[in-house]
Amino acid sequence: MQFLFYISKKYSIPIVAPLVEYIITTPHQCGFFLSDKVARVLPDSWHGVHRFTTLDAAIQFHPDFVLAPGNFVDYRLPGKKIQLFHGLGVEKSSHYKIRHFFDCYCTSGPYVTRKFAALQKKYGYFVLLETGWPKVDYILHYPQKDLRRKLKIPAGKKVILYAPTFSKKLESATDLMDIIPSIAKEDEYWCVKFHELMDKATIRTFLQKGTNIHLIEDFDITPWLHVADVMLSDTSSVIYEMLLLDKPVVTYRTRSREDKGINITQPEQLRAALDTSLQNPAEFAAKRREHIAQINPDLSGEISKKLIRRLVEMAETNAFPTNSKPLNLFRKMQILYHQQFRKGYLR
C-alpha cells in the first residue's frame, strides 16, 4: 500500500519519524507531500523516500492513505485522510474541532477517544482508532548517549527547560520574562524553546532581558526533554511529552490538570516552585502516571507499527465508513488560496 505524509511544519518530522522508519522496513511504499522548508531538513536516512512538492506529483503517487500531523490536508489528494495530530494538546478546544477533511482520527488515549466518540456519533462519516500518538515512540527511543556533551551543557549544572505556548490567551513569556533572569542560579543552565508560531516581538524582548538563557533554535525539542531536570511551561501540550519521561514540571496559570506538577499563579512564586521540583522530582510522579494513563497510555514504543498495521487491516476489510463528508466549501477554498498565493499549507 502507498502511504503519503502531508507535512508543512518542521516540528512534524519527529511525529512521523517512527511511522516512516517502520514503513520502509515493509513492502509498503512511503512518500512526502511537503513544503520546501521541511524538505531541507528531512533526515538523510530518508533520501530514498519519495518527495513531492507539487500537487500533481503527489496525486500521481496514488496514495491509499494520506497521513497528516496537523489540522488540514489537501482534499484533492486520493486516499483515506488520516489525522495524526500535531501534539497532545488535549485541553485545547481546537484539538477536537472537526474540519471535515479526515476519514480517520488516530487518538492518543481514552480521554481523547471519549471526546471524539461523541463527535463521531454526531457526524457519522469518520472512524476512530485509539492508537497512541506516534511521536511517543520517537521520544522513548531517542538516543541518549553523550547527549549533554553533544548539546554543550556545562558539567554539573541543572537544566531548566522553558517551553511556553504561543497562544496570546495562554502564553506565559510576557509575564515571566522579567523574573527569569533575576532568579537563575549559577549552577543552572537555562534554555528556552519557543513555538514556531510565537510572536516575534515577544521573543526579541524576552531574549534581550534574559541574555544568560540559551535559545534552542532546532525544531526538535526531544533531546532537551531528556537532558532537562525540570520543565517550566504554561498550557503547552509539550508538558505531556515531559511527563512521558516521568520528569517534574512547573506550570504558570495552566488551564487544565493543575496537579500534574506545581502550578503557580504569580511570577514571584517561580523560584520556590523550581527549587521544590529540583529537590523532590518524584513528588508528583503518581499524578504524572495518572494523567498519561488517560492521555497516552501506550508506552511500548510500538505505537507506529500498530498504527500502520491497523490502517492496512481496515483497508483490507473495507472497514472505513462510506458516508459522504460535508461539502466544506470554505475550508476547501482556504486550501486553494494558500496554494495559489504560495503561502504554504495550513497547519
Foldseek 3Di string as FASTA:
>chain_A
DEEEEEDEDQLCQLQCVVLVVVQVVDPYAYEYAYDPVNVVPHDPVCPVHHYHPDPVVQQVSVGQEYEYQDDDDQLPRDHAYEHQHVFLLVVDPVVQDDLQRGQEYAAFFQSNVVSVVVVCVVFVQHYYHPQHGRSLLVLLPPDQPCLCVVVVPDPQAAEEEEEEAADPVWGCLVQQLQPVQVQDDPRHAAEYEYDPPHDPVSVVVSCVSNVRYHYDPDSDCRSVLVRHQEYEYASDRCVLVNLSVLWAYEYEPHPDDCLQHPYDDHNVCPNVRVVVCNVCGNPSSVVSQVVCNGRHNDNVSCSSVVVVVVVVVCVVVVVGGPDDTPPSVVVNVVQVVCVVVVVTGDD
